[in-house]
Amino acid sequence: MDQETSLLEVVRTKELELKSRIEKAEKEAEETIAQARRRAGEIVESARQRGEDESGRFIGEQEKALEQEIREIRERSLQDRKRVSAIAAERVDKAVELVLGRIVAKGP
């Protein structure tokens, strides 16, 4: 019986040792998972922030380009108005001369 008791004690000791190892492994696994979740959250937040920064930079660049294009369009428009005004003034003078010439030609 003594040998039987000793064998049962060995089995019980091994069971307790294995249970302790399993609990330790479970705690380590939980900590590893928690660390991975924290790191994943940090990565997601970092990516979100980079995305916001990049989109802000892109929008700023596009606004500058658009403002430049608006200035160029306004300048071309001003030049076109000046050219059209000069042509119109020249043609008005010719039109006045033509009308006056016809009035004079018809007489009173």
N, C-alpha and C. Protein backbone atom coordinates (compact mmCIF):
# COMPACT_ATOMS: atom_id res chain seq x y z
N MET A 1 0.81 -1.18 0.00
CA MET A 1 0.00 0.00 0.00
C MET A 1 0.86 1.25 0.00
N ASP A 2 1.99 1.15 0.61
CA ASP A 2 2.90 2.28 0.70
C ASP A 2 3.37 2.72 -0.69
N GLN A 3 3.63 1.72 -1.50
CA GLN A 3 4.07 2.02 -2.85
C GLN A 3 2.93 2.67 -3.65
N GLU A 4 1.72 2.19 -3.42
CA GLU A 4 0.55 2.75 -4.07
C GLU A 4 0.35 4.20 -3.67
N THR A 5 0.47 4.51 -2.41
CA THR A 5 0.34 5.87 -1.91
C THR A 5 1.41 6.75 -2.51
N SER A 6 2.60 6.25 -2.57
CA SER A 6 3.69 7.04 -3.11
C SER A 6 3.47 7.30 -4.59
N LEU A 7 2.97 6.33 -5.33
CA LEU A 7 2.67 6.52 -6.74
C LEU A 7 1.55 7.54 -6.92
N LEU A 8 0.54 7.50 -6.10
CA LEU A 8 -0.55 8.48 -6.15
C LEU A 8 -0.04 9.88 -5.81
N GLU A 9 0.86 9.96 -4.89
CA GLU A 9 1.44 11.27 -4.54
C GLU A 9 2.24 11.83 -5.71
N VAL A 10 2.97 10.98 -6.38
CA VAL A 10 3.74 11.42 -7.55
C VAL A 10 2.80 11.93 -8.62
N VAL A 11 1.72 11.18 -8.89
CA VAL A 11 0.74 11.60 -9.89
C VAL A 11 0.09 12.91 -9.47
N ARG A 12 -0.27 13.00 -8.22
CA ARG A 12 -0.90 14.24 -7.71
C ARG A 12 0.06 15.41 -7.82
N THR A 13 1.30 15.20 -7.49
CA THR A 13 2.32 16.25 -7.58
C THR A 13 2.48 16.69 -9.04
N LYS A 14 2.53 15.72 -9.94
CA LYS A 14 2.66 16.05 -11.37
C LYS A 14 1.43 16.80 -11.86
N GLU A 15 0.25 16.39 -11.43
CA GLU A 15 -0.98 17.09 -11.81
C GLU A 15 -0.94 18.54 -11.35
N LEU A 16 -0.51 18.75 -10.10
CA LEU A 16 -0.43 20.11 -9.58
C LEU A 16 0.62 20.94 -10.34
N GLU A 17 1.72 20.29 -10.66
CA GLU A 17 2.78 20.97 -11.41
C GLU A 17 2.27 21.36 -12.80
N LEU A 18 1.60 20.44 -13.48
CA LEU A 18 1.06 20.72 -14.81
C LEU A 18 -0.02 21.79 -14.74
N LYS A 19 -0.86 21.73 -13.72
CA LYS A 19 -1.90 22.76 -13.56
C LYS A 19 -1.26 24.13 -13.39
N SER A 20 -0.20 24.19 -12.60
CA SER A 20 0.50 25.45 -12.38
C SER A 20 1.10 25.96 -13.69
N ARG A 21 1.70 25.05 -14.46
CA ARG A 21 2.28 25.44 -15.76
C ARG A 21 1.19 25.94 -16.71
N ILE A 22 0.06 25.26 -16.71
CA ILE A 22 -1.04 25.67 -17.60
C ILE A 22 -1.55 27.06 -17.20
N GLU A 23 -1.72 27.29 -15.91
CA GLU A 23 -2.18 28.60 -15.44
C GLU A 23 -1.17 29.69 -15.81
N LYS A 24 0.10 29.38 -15.65
CA LYS A 24 1.15 30.35 -16.02
C LYS A 24 1.11 30.63 -17.52
N ALA A 25 0.99 29.58 -18.32
CA ALA A 25 0.92 29.74 -19.78
C ALA A 25 -0.31 30.55 -20.18
N GLU A 26 -1.44 30.30 -19.52
CA GLU A 26 -2.67 31.05 -19.82
C GLU A 26 -2.48 32.53 -19.48
N LYS A 27 -1.85 32.82 -18.34
CA LYS A 27 -1.61 34.22 -17.96
C LYS A 27 -0.68 34.90 -18.95
N GLU A 28 0.38 34.18 -19.36
CA GLU A 28 1.30 34.74 -20.35
C GLU A 28 0.60 34.99 -21.67
N ALA A 29 -0.27 34.04 -22.07
CA ALA A 29 -1.01 34.20 -23.32
C ALA A 29 -1.95 35.40 -23.23
N GLU A 30 -2.63 35.55 -22.11
CA GLU A 30 -3.53 36.69 -21.93
C GLU A 30 -2.77 38.00 -21.99
N GLU A 31 -1.60 38.04 -21.36
CA GLU A 31 -0.78 39.25 -21.39
C GLU A 31 -0.28 39.55 -22.80
N THR A 32 0.13 38.51 -23.50
CA THR A 32 0.58 38.67 -24.88
C THR A 32 -0.55 39.21 -25.75
N ILE A 33 -1.74 38.67 -25.58
CA ILE A 33 -2.91 39.14 -26.34
C ILE A 33 -3.23 40.59 -25.98
N ALA A 34 -3.17 40.92 -24.70
CA ALA A 34 -3.44 42.30 -24.28
C ALA A 34 -2.42 43.25 -24.88
N GLN A 35 -1.15 42.86 -24.87
CA GLN A 35 -0.10 43.70 -25.47
C GLN A 35 -0.32 43.86 -26.96
N ALA A 36 -0.71 42.78 -27.62
CA ALA A 36 -0.97 42.83 -29.07
C ALA A 36 -2.14 43.75 -29.37
N ARG A 37 -3.18 43.69 -28.54
CA ARG A 37 -4.34 44.57 -28.74
C ARG A 37 -3.95 46.03 -28.55
N ARG A 38 -3.13 46.29 -27.50
CA ARG A 38 -2.68 47.67 -27.27
C ARG A 38 -1.85 48.16 -28.45
N ARG A 39 -0.96 47.31 -28.91
CA ARG A 39 -0.10 47.70 -30.04
C ARG A 39 -0.94 47.91 -31.30
N ALA A 40 -1.92 47.05 -31.53
CA ALA A 40 -2.80 47.21 -32.69
C ALA A 40 -3.55 48.54 -32.60
N GLY A 41 -4.01 48.88 -31.39
CA GLY A 41 -4.69 50.16 -31.20
C GLY A 41 -3.77 51.33 -31.49
N GLU A 42 -2.52 51.22 -31.06
CA GLU A 42 -1.55 52.28 -31.33
C GLU A 42 -1.29 52.41 -32.83
N ILE A 43 -1.19 51.28 -33.51
CA ILE A 43 -0.95 51.29 -34.96
C ILE A 43 -2.14 51.92 -35.68
N VAL A 44 -3.34 51.55 -35.28
CA VAL A 44 -4.54 52.12 -35.91
C VAL A 44 -4.59 53.63 -35.67
N GLU A 45 -4.33 54.06 -34.45
CA GLU A 45 -4.36 55.49 -34.14
C GLU A 45 -3.29 56.24 -34.92
N SER A 46 -2.11 55.66 -35.00
CA SER A 46 -1.02 56.28 -35.76
C SER A 46 -1.39 56.41 -37.24
N ALA A 47 -1.98 55.36 -37.79
CA ALA A 47 -2.40 55.39 -39.20
C ALA A 47 -3.50 56.42 -39.41
N ARG A 48 -4.44 56.51 -38.47
CA ARG A 48 -5.51 57.49 -38.58
C ARG A 48 -4.92 58.90 -38.56
N GLN A 49 -4.00 59.14 -37.66
CA GLN A 49 -3.37 60.47 -37.55
C GLN A 49 -2.58 60.80 -38.81
N ARG A 50 -1.83 59.81 -39.33
CA ARG A 50 -1.08 60.04 -40.56
C ARG A 50 -2.03 60.34 -41.71
N GLY A 51 -3.14 59.61 -41.75
CA GLY A 51 -4.13 59.86 -42.80
C GLY A 51 -4.70 61.27 -42.71
N GLU A 52 -5.00 61.71 -41.49
CA GLU A 52 -5.51 63.08 -41.32
C GLU A 52 -4.47 64.10 -41.74
N ASP A 53 -3.22 63.88 -41.33
CA ASP A 53 -2.14 64.80 -41.68
C ASP A 53 -1.95 64.87 -43.20
N GLU A 54 -1.91 63.69 -43.83
CA GLU A 54 -1.71 63.64 -45.28
C GLU A 54 -2.89 64.28 -46.02
N SER A 55 -4.10 64.01 -45.56
CA SER A 55 -5.26 64.60 -46.24
C SER A 55 -5.26 66.11 -46.07
N GLY A 56 -4.87 66.58 -44.88
CA GLY A 56 -4.78 68.03 -44.67
C GLY A 56 -3.74 68.67 -45.57
N ARG A 57 -2.58 67.99 -45.70
CA ARG A 57 -1.52 68.50 -46.57
C ARG A 57 -1.99 68.49 -48.03
N PHE A 58 -2.63 67.42 -48.45
CA PHE A 58 -3.12 67.32 -49.82
C PHE A 58 -4.16 68.40 -50.12
N ILE A 59 -5.10 68.58 -49.19
CA ILE A 59 -6.13 69.61 -49.38
C ILE A 59 -5.49 70.98 -49.46
N GLY A 60 -4.51 71.26 -48.61
CA GLY A 60 -3.81 72.54 -48.64
C GLY A 60 -3.13 72.78 -49.98
N GLU A 61 -2.47 71.74 -50.49
CA GLU A 61 -1.81 71.86 -51.79
C GLU A 61 -2.83 72.13 -52.90
N GLN A 62 -3.94 71.41 -52.84
CA GLN A 62 -4.96 71.58 -53.87
C GLN A 62 -5.59 72.97 -53.80
N GLU A 63 -5.78 73.49 -52.58
CA GLU A 63 -6.32 74.84 -52.43
C GLU A 63 -5.37 75.87 -53.02
N LYS A 64 -4.07 75.71 -52.77
CA LYS A 64 -3.08 76.63 -53.33
C LYS A 64 -3.09 76.58 -54.86
N ALA A 65 -3.15 75.37 -55.40
CA ALA A 65 -3.18 75.21 -56.85
C ALA A 65 -4.44 75.84 -57.42
N LEU A 66 -5.56 75.66 -56.74
CA LEU A 66 -6.83 76.24 -57.20
C LEU A 66 -6.78 77.76 -57.14
N GLU A 67 -6.21 78.30 -56.06
CA GLU A 67 -6.08 79.76 -55.96
C GLU A 67 -5.21 80.31 -57.08
N GLN A 68 -4.13 79.60 -57.42
CA GLN A 68 -3.26 80.03 -58.51
C GLN A 68 -4.03 79.99 -59.83
N GLU A 69 -4.79 78.95 -60.03
CA GLU A 69 -5.57 78.83 -61.26
C GLU A 69 -6.61 79.95 -61.35
N ILE A 70 -7.23 80.28 -60.23
CA ILE A 70 -8.20 81.39 -60.20
C ILE A 70 -7.52 82.70 -60.56
N ARG A 71 -6.32 82.93 -60.00
CA ARG A 71 -5.58 84.17 -60.33
C ARG A 71 -5.27 84.23 -61.82
N GLU A 72 -4.85 83.09 -62.37
CA GLU A 72 -4.53 83.05 -63.80
C GLU A 72 -5.77 83.31 -64.65
N ILE A 73 -6.89 82.72 -64.28
CA ILE A 73 -8.14 82.94 -65.03
C ILE A 73 -8.55 84.40 -64.95
N ARG A 74 -8.46 84.98 -63.76
CA ARG A 74 -8.82 86.40 -63.61
C ARG A 74 -7.90 87.28 -64.46
N GLU A 75 -6.61 86.97 -64.47
CA GLU A 75 -5.67 87.76 -65.26
C GLU A 75 -5.99 87.64 -66.75
N ARG A 76 -6.25 86.42 -67.22
CA ARG A 76 -6.62 86.24 -68.64
C ARG A 76 -7.92 86.97 -68.95
N SER A 77 -8.87 86.91 -68.02
CA SER A 77 -10.14 87.59 -68.21
C SER A 77 -9.93 89.10 -68.32
N LEU A 78 -9.09 89.64 -67.44
CA LEU A 78 -8.80 91.08 -67.49
C LEU A 78 -8.14 91.45 -68.82
N GLN A 79 -7.20 90.64 -69.26
CA GLN A 79 -6.54 90.91 -70.55
C GLN A 79 -7.55 90.81 -71.70
N ASP A 80 -8.43 89.83 -71.65
CA ASP A 80 -9.46 89.69 -72.68
C ASP A 80 -10.39 90.90 -72.69
N ARG A 81 -10.80 91.36 -71.50
CA ARG A 81 -11.69 92.54 -71.42
C ARG A 81 -10.99 93.76 -72.01
N LYS A 82 -9.73 93.94 -71.69
CA LYS A 82 -8.99 95.08 -72.23
C LYS A 82 -8.90 95.00 -73.75
N ARG A 83 -8.61 93.81 -74.27
CA ARG A 83 -8.51 93.62 -75.72
C ARG A 83 -9.85 93.87 -76.38
N VAL A 84 -10.93 93.32 -75.80
CA VAL A 84 -12.27 93.51 -76.37
C VAL A 84 -12.68 94.98 -76.29
N SER A 85 -12.36 95.64 -75.17
CA SER A 85 -12.69 97.07 -75.04
C SER A 85 -11.95 97.89 -76.08
N ALA A 86 -10.69 97.57 -76.32
CA ALA A 86 -9.91 98.31 -77.32
C ALA A 86 -10.49 98.09 -78.71
N ILE A 87 -10.85 96.85 -79.02
CA ILE A 87 -11.46 96.56 -80.33
C ILE A 87 -12.79 97.28 -80.45
N ALA A 88 -13.59 97.25 -79.38
CA ALA A 88 -14.91 97.89 -79.40
C ALA A 88 -14.76 99.39 -79.58
N ALA A 89 -13.81 100.00 -78.87
CA ALA A 89 -13.60 101.45 -79.00
C ALA A 89 -13.21 101.79 -80.43
N GLU A 90 -12.34 100.98 -81.00
CA GLU A 90 -11.92 101.21 -82.38
C GLU A 90 -13.10 101.07 -83.34
N ARG A 91 -13.92 100.09 -83.12
CA ARG A 91 -15.06 99.85 -84.01
C ARG A 91 -16.15 100.90 -83.80
N VAL A 92 -16.32 101.40 -82.58
CA VAL A 92 -17.31 102.45 -82.33
C VAL A 92 -16.92 103.69 -83.11
N ASP A 93 -15.63 104.03 -83.07
CA ASP A 93 -15.17 105.20 -83.83
C ASP A 93 -15.47 105.02 -85.32
N LYS A 94 -15.21 103.84 -85.84
CA LYS A 94 -15.48 103.58 -87.27
C LYS A 94 -16.98 103.62 -87.53
N ALA A 95 -17.78 103.08 -86.60
CA ALA A 95 -19.24 103.08 -86.77
C ALA A 95 -19.77 104.51 -86.77
N VAL A 96 -19.24 105.34 -85.86
CA VAL A 96 -19.67 106.74 -85.81
C VAL A 96 -19.32 107.43 -87.11
N GLU A 97 -18.11 107.21 -87.60
CA GLU A 97 -17.69 107.81 -88.88
C GLU A 97 -18.59 107.36 -90.02
N LEU A 98 -18.93 106.06 -90.02
CA LEU A 98 -19.79 105.52 -91.08
C LEU A 98 -21.18 106.14 -91.01
N VAL A 99 -21.76 106.23 -89.81
CA VAL A 99 -23.10 106.80 -89.65
C VAL A 99 -23.09 108.27 -90.04
N LEU A 100 -22.12 109.00 -89.55
CA LEU A 100 -22.01 110.43 -89.89
C LEU A 100 -21.83 110.62 -91.40
N GLY A 101 -21.01 109.74 -92.00
CA GLY A 101 -20.79 109.83 -93.45
C GLY A 101 -22.09 109.61 -94.22
N ARG A 102 -22.91 108.73 -93.79
CA ARG A 102 -24.17 108.45 -94.47
C ARG A 102 -25.16 109.59 -94.25
N ILE A 103 -25.15 110.12 -93.01
CA ILE A 103 -26.06 111.24 -92.72
C ILE A 103 -25.68 112.44 -93.59
N VAL A 104 -24.39 112.72 -93.66
CA VAL A 104 -23.92 113.85 -94.46
C VAL A 104 -24.21 113.60 -95.93
N ALA A 105 -24.04 112.36 -96.39
CA ALA A 105 -24.26 112.03 -97.78
C ALA A 105 -25.74 112.20 -98.16
N LYS A 106 -26.65 111.90 -97.29
CA LYS A 106 -28.08 112.03 -97.56
C LYS A 106 -28.48 113.48 -97.57
N GLY A 107 -27.86 114.21 -96.71
CA GLY A 107 -28.20 115.62 -96.62
C GLY A 107 -29.47 115.86 -95.84
N PRO A 108 -29.76 117.14 -95.68
CA PRO A 108 -30.94 117.50 -94.89
C PRO A 108 -32.22 117.25 -95.62
